[in-house]
Amino acid sequence: MKPVRSEKPMTTAVLICDDSNLARKQLARILPQEWQANLFFAGHGAEALDTLQQHRIDWFFLDLNMPVMDGYEVLAELKKRQLNVRVVVVSGDVQPEAFERVKSLGALDFIRKPVDAEKIRQLMQQHAIAHTVPTETSSTKKAGSVTAELSAEMRDVLQELTNVAMGQAGNLLARLLNVFVKLPIPNVNLIEVSELHMALASVEQESSTSAVCQGFIGGGVSGEALLILNDSSFKDIARLMNYHGALTVKVELELLMDIANILIGAVLKGLAEQIDMSFSQGHPVVLGQHAPVSELIRANAKRWRKTLAIEVSYGIENYNISCDLLLLFTEDSLKTLNYKVAFLLEE
């Protein structure tokens, strides 16, 4: 009689799909040790679907906010194809409706960014999976060199940090107004003030805008947060905030200030927490009302020179509301930001 051959247990296959290299690295680093040998990565949803077609994947960690094909589209396609894979959504968009949408599309669980090892442990315990989650030590992190330029790696890190922070701000706005906030992929660029209008090309198409600017400073990082609201948004904002009177210039200014306080405060808080820093905020300044954005920028050009610009465009589903939040960091802030984000990356 021939001896019975014991089958070697198959290694768990894991796919991480996120457009941020930083997010992929961070998540991969804290996954169970026994999962490290069979990891796959994708930068957007279409790439992830290709991987799922070519390989047997057991666990699929999926971001929501991505180019080409976002997480919602991927979940819908998985449901259509009836692919058997355990999907865990990992996102900075923590609105209640986002959670309900991904669950209805078949996601097994939802983890809020930034992910830490404890969250992975809880996930494994919840789904009764034996695991060994690697621990991070200070030796796995090291500050990189300081540069006055914005490298591709630096841009990726800042984009991911902003993605998490804007998700927190969107969640706050969604809960306050009982709506679903559409979150974009943030744009990160090092630009001259003369190029600032190009960063706001989508807003430039509108006939008129109103804007508020608020300075912030803390630990070697300083700048200004600029919130630009399309004037066509005021009517729906007033309705959502249960204001039924006449929309005077004074009322519109109050509504503008309310939205600015929510979004600017939440985004700065979210960024500060991730880079272990606190920001002090100055008094908001009205840059102008009912004017083309190019005029607002031209009138305030002396406020900025070369600047690190992070743009976030918010919209609210089923409402004619859209606004741009622009974080303008001083050129000197890049040194400190480089030191801070370098600790989030492995060499």
Protein backbone atom coordinates (compact mmCIF):
# COMPACT_ATOMS: atom_id res chain seq x y z
CA MET A 1 0.00 0.00 0.00
CA LYS A 2 1.31 3.39 -0.96
CA PRO A 3 1.71 5.88 1.87
CA VAL A 4 -0.89 8.62 1.98
CA ARG A 5 0.59 11.98 1.07
CA SER A 6 -0.40 14.84 3.29
CA GLU A 7 -1.36 17.98 1.40
CA LYS A 8 0.64 21.05 2.27
CA PRO A 9 -1.70 23.77 3.53
CA MET A 10 -2.14 26.58 1.05
CA THR A 11 -0.80 30.00 1.96
CA THR A 12 -3.45 32.66 2.47
CA ALA A 13 -3.47 34.99 -0.53
CA VAL A 14 -4.12 38.68 0.14
CA LEU A 15 -4.80 41.55 -2.26
CA ILE A 16 -4.45 45.16 -1.12
CA CYS A 17 -6.02 47.72 -3.44
CA ASP A 18 -5.29 51.39 -2.76
CA ASP A 19 -4.08 54.22 -4.98
CA SER A 20 -1.69 55.30 -2.21
CA ASN A 21 1.67 53.55 -1.97
CA LEU A 22 1.88 54.67 1.67
CA ALA A 23 -1.48 53.08 2.50
CA ARG A 24 -0.48 49.80 0.83
CA LYS A 25 2.81 49.70 2.75
CA GLN A 26 1.21 50.53 6.08
CA LEU A 27 -1.46 47.87 5.77
CA ALA A 28 0.90 45.19 4.46
CA ARG A 29 3.29 45.80 7.36
CA ILE A 30 0.68 45.01 10.03
CA LEU A 31 -0.99 42.00 8.40
CA PRO A 32 -0.52 38.57 10.07
CA GLN A 33 2.98 37.20 9.67
CA GLU A 34 1.75 34.09 7.90
CA TRP A 35 0.09 36.26 5.23
CA GLN A 36 3.26 38.10 4.26
CA ALA A 37 4.43 35.44 1.78
CA ASN A 38 1.54 35.79 -0.64
CA LEU A 39 0.66 39.48 -1.00
CA PHE A 40 -0.64 41.17 -4.15
CA PHE A 41 -1.06 44.91 -4.71
CA ALA A 42 -3.22 47.04 -6.97
CA GLY A 43 -3.30 50.82 -7.48
CA HIS A 44 -6.93 51.03 -8.60
CA GLY A 45 -10.06 48.92 -8.96
CA ALA A 46 -9.55 47.78 -12.54
CA GLU A 47 -6.08 46.49 -11.69
CA ALA A 48 -7.52 44.67 -8.68
CA LEU A 49 -10.16 42.92 -10.80
CA ASP A 50 -7.44 41.75 -13.19
CA THR A 51 -5.53 40.27 -10.24
CA LEU A 52 -8.67 38.55 -8.95
CA GLN A 53 -9.17 36.94 -12.35
CA GLN A 54 -5.59 35.64 -12.50
CA HIS A 55 -5.08 34.50 -8.89
CA ARG A 56 -7.00 32.84 -6.12
CA ILE A 57 -7.39 35.55 -3.48
CA ASP A 58 -8.67 34.82 0.03
CA TRP A 59 -8.72 38.31 1.54
CA PHE A 60 -9.23 41.53 -0.41
CA PHE A 61 -8.56 44.86 1.34
CA LEU A 62 -10.22 47.57 -0.73
CA ASP A 63 -10.02 51.37 -0.63
CA LEU A 64 -13.04 53.41 -1.77
CA ASN A 65 -11.50 56.60 -3.15
CA MET A 66 -9.44 55.68 -6.23
CA PRO A 67 -8.96 56.73 -9.87
CA VAL A 68 -9.97 54.61 -12.90
CA MET A 69 -12.37 52.44 -10.84
CA ASP A 70 -13.37 53.20 -7.26
CA GLY A 71 -14.23 50.81 -4.46
CA TYR A 72 -17.99 50.99 -4.94
CA GLU A 73 -17.61 50.03 -8.60
CA VAL A 74 -15.34 47.13 -7.67
CA LEU A 75 -17.84 45.80 -5.11
CA ALA A 76 -20.66 46.04 -7.64
CA GLU A 77 -18.58 44.16 -10.20
CA LEU A 78 -17.65 41.46 -7.67
CA LYS A 79 -21.32 41.00 -6.87
CA LYS A 80 -22.17 40.79 -10.59
CA ARG A 81 -19.42 38.24 -11.27
CA GLN A 82 -20.21 36.32 -8.04
CA LEU A 83 -16.52 36.09 -7.18
CA ASN A 84 -15.90 34.29 -3.90
CA VAL A 85 -13.54 36.54 -1.95
CA ARG A 86 -13.70 38.06 1.53
CA VAL A 87 -13.68 41.83 1.06
CA VAL A 88 -12.72 44.27 3.81
CA VAL A 89 -13.14 47.93 2.92
CA VAL A 90 -10.37 50.17 4.27
CA SER A 91 -11.26 53.83 3.88
CA GLY A 92 -11.08 57.31 5.32
CA ASP A 93 -14.70 57.86 4.26
CA VAL A 94 -16.49 56.92 7.49
CA GLN A 95 -19.92 58.36 6.75
CA PRO A 96 -22.72 56.09 7.99
CA GLU A 97 -24.11 55.83 4.47
CA ALA A 98 -20.73 54.77 3.09
CA PHE A 99 -20.69 51.92 5.61
CA GLU A 100 -24.22 50.86 4.67
CA ARG A 101 -23.46 51.01 0.95
CA VAL A 102 -20.40 48.78 1.09
CA LYS A 103 -22.17 46.27 3.34
CA SER A 104 -25.11 46.09 0.92
CA LEU A 105 -22.65 45.44 -1.90
CA GLY A 106 -21.21 42.43 -0.07
CA ALA A 107 -18.25 43.75 1.93
CA LEU A 108 -17.49 41.57 4.93
CA ASP A 109 -16.25 44.41 7.10
CA PHE A 110 -15.25 48.08 7.13
CA ILE A 111 -12.04 49.42 8.71
CA ARG A 112 -11.39 53.10 9.20
CA LYS A 113 -8.10 54.65 8.12
CA PRO A 114 -5.46 54.97 9.41
CA VAL A 115 -5.31 51.25 10.20
CA ASP A 116 -3.32 49.95 13.15
CA ALA A 117 -2.37 46.45 14.27
CA GLU A 118 -5.09 46.36 16.94
CA LYS A 119 -7.79 46.85 14.32
CA ILE A 120 -6.41 43.92 12.34
CA ARG A 121 -6.37 41.79 15.50
CA GLN A 122 -9.99 42.64 16.17
CA LEU A 123 -10.91 41.77 12.60
CA MET A 124 -9.20 38.40 12.84
CA GLN A 125 -10.84 37.65 16.20
CA GLN A 126 -14.25 38.63 14.89
CA HIS A 127 -13.93 36.23 11.99
CA ALA A 128 -12.27 33.50 14.06
CA ILE A 129 -8.93 33.38 12.26
CA ALA A 130 -5.69 32.43 13.97
CA HIS A 131 -3.10 35.10 13.41
CA THR A 132 0.24 36.55 14.34
CA VAL A 133 0.30 40.27 13.72
CA PRO A 134 3.82 41.69 13.47
CA THR A 135 4.62 44.53 15.82
CA GLU A 136 6.30 47.73 14.75
CA THR A 137 9.36 49.04 16.50
CA SER A 138 11.15 52.30 16.13
CA SER A 139 13.90 50.48 14.25
CA THR A 140 11.51 49.89 11.33
CA LYS A 141 11.10 53.62 10.83
CA LYS A 142 13.70 56.18 9.99
CA ALA A 143 13.57 59.77 8.89
CA GLY A 144 14.66 60.45 5.35
CA SER A 145 16.61 63.33 4.02
CA VAL A 146 15.12 66.79 3.82
CA THR A 147 14.45 68.26 0.41
CA ALA A 148 12.94 71.51 -0.73
CA GLU A 149 11.22 69.75 -3.63
CA LEU A 150 8.04 67.71 -3.61
CA SER A 151 9.03 64.16 -4.49
CA ALA A 152 6.58 61.60 -5.86
CA GLU A 153 6.82 59.72 -2.57
CA MET A 154 6.15 62.86 -0.55
CA ARG A 155 3.16 63.68 -2.74
CA ASP A 156 1.77 60.18 -2.23
CA VAL A 157 2.10 60.44 1.55
CA LEU A 158 0.47 63.87 1.72
CA GLN A 159 -2.32 62.71 -0.55
CA GLU A 160 -3.06 59.74 1.71
CA LEU A 161 -2.90 61.82 4.91
CA THR A 162 -5.32 64.29 3.34
CA ASN A 163 -7.56 61.47 2.15
CA VAL A 164 -7.99 60.31 5.75
CA ALA A 165 -8.46 63.85 7.08
CA MET A 166 -11.03 64.84 4.47
CA GLY A 167 -12.92 61.63 5.21
CA GLN A 168 -13.26 62.72 8.82
CA ALA A 169 -14.46 66.16 7.73
CA GLY A 170 -16.91 64.65 5.27
CA ASN A 171 -18.27 62.35 7.98
CA LEU A 172 -18.83 65.33 10.28
CA LEU A 173 -20.66 67.24 7.54
CA ALA A 174 -22.70 64.17 6.56
CA ARG A 175 -23.89 63.58 10.12
CA LEU A 176 -24.67 67.25 10.67
CA LEU A 177 -26.73 67.65 7.48
CA ASN A 178 -27.93 64.03 7.15
CA VAL A 179 -26.57 63.74 3.60
CA PHE A 180 -24.01 61.71 1.66
CA VAL A 181 -20.84 63.70 0.95
CA LYS A 182 -19.00 62.86 -2.26
CA LEU A 183 -15.28 62.65 -1.53
CA PRO A 184 -12.72 63.11 -4.32
CA ILE A 185 -9.07 62.17 -4.60
CA PRO A 186 -7.11 65.13 -3.20
CA ASN A 187 -4.65 66.97 -5.45
CA VAL A 188 -1.19 67.77 -4.06
CA ASN A 189 1.16 70.15 -5.89
CA LEU A 190 4.04 72.52 -5.26
CA ILE A 191 3.10 75.63 -7.22
CA GLU A 192 3.81 79.30 -7.70
CA VAL A 193 1.04 81.68 -6.70
CA SER A 194 0.68 82.64 -10.35
CA GLU A 195 -0.38 79.04 -11.00
CA LEU A 196 -2.89 78.93 -8.18
CA HIS A 197 -5.85 79.54 -10.46
CA MET A 198 -4.97 76.35 -12.38
CA ALA A 199 -5.35 74.33 -9.18
CA LEU A 200 -8.90 75.64 -9.02
CA ALA A 201 -9.83 75.10 -12.65
CA SER A 202 -13.08 73.32 -11.74
CA VAL A 203 -14.22 76.27 -9.65
CA GLU A 204 -13.18 78.78 -12.33
CA GLN A 205 -16.01 77.54 -14.55
CA GLU A 206 -18.57 78.94 -12.12
CA SER A 207 -19.84 82.48 -12.61
CA SER A 208 -19.19 83.61 -9.05
CA THR A 209 -17.80 82.34 -5.78
CA SER A 210 -17.35 83.37 -2.16
CA ALA A 211 -14.26 82.56 -0.13
CA VAL A 212 -12.95 82.47 3.43
CA CYS A 213 -9.31 82.12 4.46
CA GLN A 214 -8.02 80.98 7.86
CA GLY A 215 -4.39 80.83 8.94
CA PHE A 216 -2.89 77.97 10.93
CA ILE A 217 0.47 77.34 12.58
CA GLY A 218 2.13 74.71 14.72
CA GLY A 219 5.53 73.09 15.23
CA GLY A 220 7.34 74.49 12.21
CA VAL A 221 4.37 74.14 9.84
CA SER A 222 2.23 77.08 8.84
CA GLY A 223 -0.13 78.12 6.10
CA GLU A 224 -3.66 79.12 5.26
CA ALA A 225 -6.81 77.14 4.58
CA LEU A 226 -8.87 78.62 1.76
CA LEU A 227 -12.51 77.58 1.38
CA ILE A 228 -14.19 78.58 -1.88
CA LEU A 229 -17.92 78.00 -2.24
CA ASN A 230 -19.86 78.26 -5.49
CA ASP A 231 -22.60 80.85 -5.03
CA SER A 232 -25.11 78.46 -6.58
CA SER A 233 -24.69 76.30 -3.47
CA PHE A 234 -26.20 78.75 -0.97
CA LYS A 235 -29.83 77.90 -1.69
CA ASP A 236 -29.43 74.18 -0.94
CA ILE A 237 -27.11 74.81 2.02
CA ALA A 238 -29.75 77.05 3.58
CA ARG A 239 -32.38 74.36 3.04
CA LEU A 240 -30.21 71.65 4.61
CA MET A 241 -29.46 73.87 7.60
CA ASN A 242 -33.20 74.56 8.04
CA TYR A 243 -32.98 78.25 7.16
CA HIS A 244 -36.13 79.39 5.36
CA GLY A 245 -35.74 83.18 5.31
CA ALA A 246 -34.45 85.47 2.59
CA LEU A 247 -30.89 84.80 1.39
CA THR A 248 -29.29 88.17 2.11
CA VAL A 249 -25.56 88.82 1.78
CA LYS A 250 -25.29 88.64 5.57
CA VAL A 251 -27.07 85.27 5.74
CA GLU A 252 -24.88 83.86 2.95
CA LEU A 253 -21.79 84.99 4.83
CA GLU A 254 -22.99 83.21 7.97
CA LEU A 255 -23.63 80.02 5.99
CA LEU A 256 -20.19 80.30 4.38
CA MET A 257 -18.56 80.68 7.80
CA ASP A 258 -20.47 77.68 9.17
CA ILE A 259 -19.30 75.40 6.35
CA ALA A 260 -15.75 76.75 6.58
CA ASN A 261 -15.59 76.12 10.34
CA ILE A 262 -16.73 72.52 9.90
CA LEU A 263 -14.46 71.56 7.01
CA ILE A 264 -11.32 73.55 7.84
CA GLY A 265 -11.36 72.57 11.51
CA ALA A 266 -11.95 68.87 10.83
CA VAL A 267 -9.37 68.56 8.05
CA LEU A 268 -6.64 70.34 10.03
CA LYS A 269 -7.42 68.21 13.08
CA GLY A 270 -7.26 65.03 10.99
CA LEU A 271 -3.90 65.99 9.48
CA ALA A 272 -2.43 67.08 12.81
CA GLU A 273 -3.33 63.81 14.52
CA GLN A 274 -1.62 61.74 11.82
CA ILE A 275 1.67 63.64 11.96
CA ASP A 276 1.65 64.05 15.76
CA MET A 277 1.23 67.81 15.71
CA SER A 278 -1.30 70.42 16.80
CA PHE A 279 -2.35 73.51 14.88
CA SER A 280 -3.48 76.85 16.24
CA GLN A 281 -6.01 78.51 13.96
CA GLY A 282 -6.34 82.24 13.40
CA HIS A 283 -9.52 84.20 12.89
CA PRO A 284 -11.25 83.56 9.53
CA VAL A 285 -10.94 86.31 6.95
CA VAL A 286 -13.46 86.89 4.17
CA LEU A 287 -11.56 87.13 0.87
CA GLY A 288 -14.60 88.13 -1.12
CA GLN A 289 -18.20 87.37 -2.00
CA HIS A 290 -19.88 86.83 -5.35
CA ALA A 291 -16.76 87.17 -7.51
CA PRO A 292 -14.87 84.93 -9.98
CA VAL A 293 -12.24 82.88 -8.17
CA SER A 294 -9.52 84.39 -10.39
CA GLU A 295 -10.36 87.84 -8.98
CA LEU A 296 -10.25 86.54 -5.39
CA ILE A 297 -6.80 85.07 -5.98
CA ARG A 298 -5.48 88.13 -7.81
CA ALA A 299 -6.70 90.43 -5.01
CA ASN A 300 -4.91 88.32 -2.40
CA ALA A 301 -1.82 87.26 -4.38
CA LYS A 302 0.54 88.97 -1.92
CA ARG A 303 -0.55 86.52 0.77
CA TRP A 304 1.15 83.61 -1.00
CA ARG A 305 4.37 82.93 -2.90
CA LYS A 306 5.60 79.47 -3.80
CA THR A 307 3.34 77.14 -1.87
CA LEU A 308 2.48 73.52 -1.24
CA ALA A 309 -1.16 73.32 -2.29
CA ILE A 310 -3.51 70.50 -1.31
CA GLU A 311 -6.93 70.74 -2.94
CA VAL A 312 -10.05 68.89 -1.84
CA SER A 313 -13.33 69.31 -3.73
CA TYR A 314 -16.46 68.43 -1.77
CA GLY A 315 -19.90 67.76 -3.21
CA ILE A 316 -23.18 66.58 -1.70
CA GLU A 317 -25.17 63.91 -3.46
CA ASN A 318 -28.56 65.01 -4.84
CA TYR A 319 -27.88 68.67 -3.99
CA ASN A 320 -26.40 71.52 -6.00
CA ILE A 321 -23.62 72.07 -3.49
CA SER A 322 -19.89 72.06 -4.21
CA CYS A 323 -16.92 73.74 -2.64
CA ASP A 324 -13.15 73.59 -2.79
CA LEU A 325 -10.93 73.48 0.27
CA LEU A 326 -7.35 74.47 -0.46
CA LEU A 327 -4.58 74.04 2.12
CA LEU A 328 -1.70 76.37 1.27
CA PHE A 329 1.46 75.53 3.21
CA THR A 330 4.44 77.88 3.23
CA GLU A 331 7.57 76.73 1.42
CA ASP A 332 9.44 76.67 4.74
CA SER A 333 6.93 74.12 6.07
CA LEU A 334 8.20 71.49 3.64
CA LYS A 335 11.26 70.77 5.81
CA THR A 336 9.17 69.88 8.84
CA LEU A 337 6.62 67.97 6.78
CA ASN A 338 9.43 65.91 5.23
CA TYR A 339 10.68 64.95 8.69
CA LYS A 340 7.19 64.10 9.86
CA VAL A 341 6.08 61.93 6.97
CA ALA A 342 9.44 60.15 6.66
CA PHE A 343 8.61 58.27 9.85
CA LEU A 344 5.55 56.84 8.13
CA LEU A 345 7.65 55.15 5.45
CA GLU A 346 10.13 52.32 5.42
CA GLU A 347 13.39 52.81 3.58
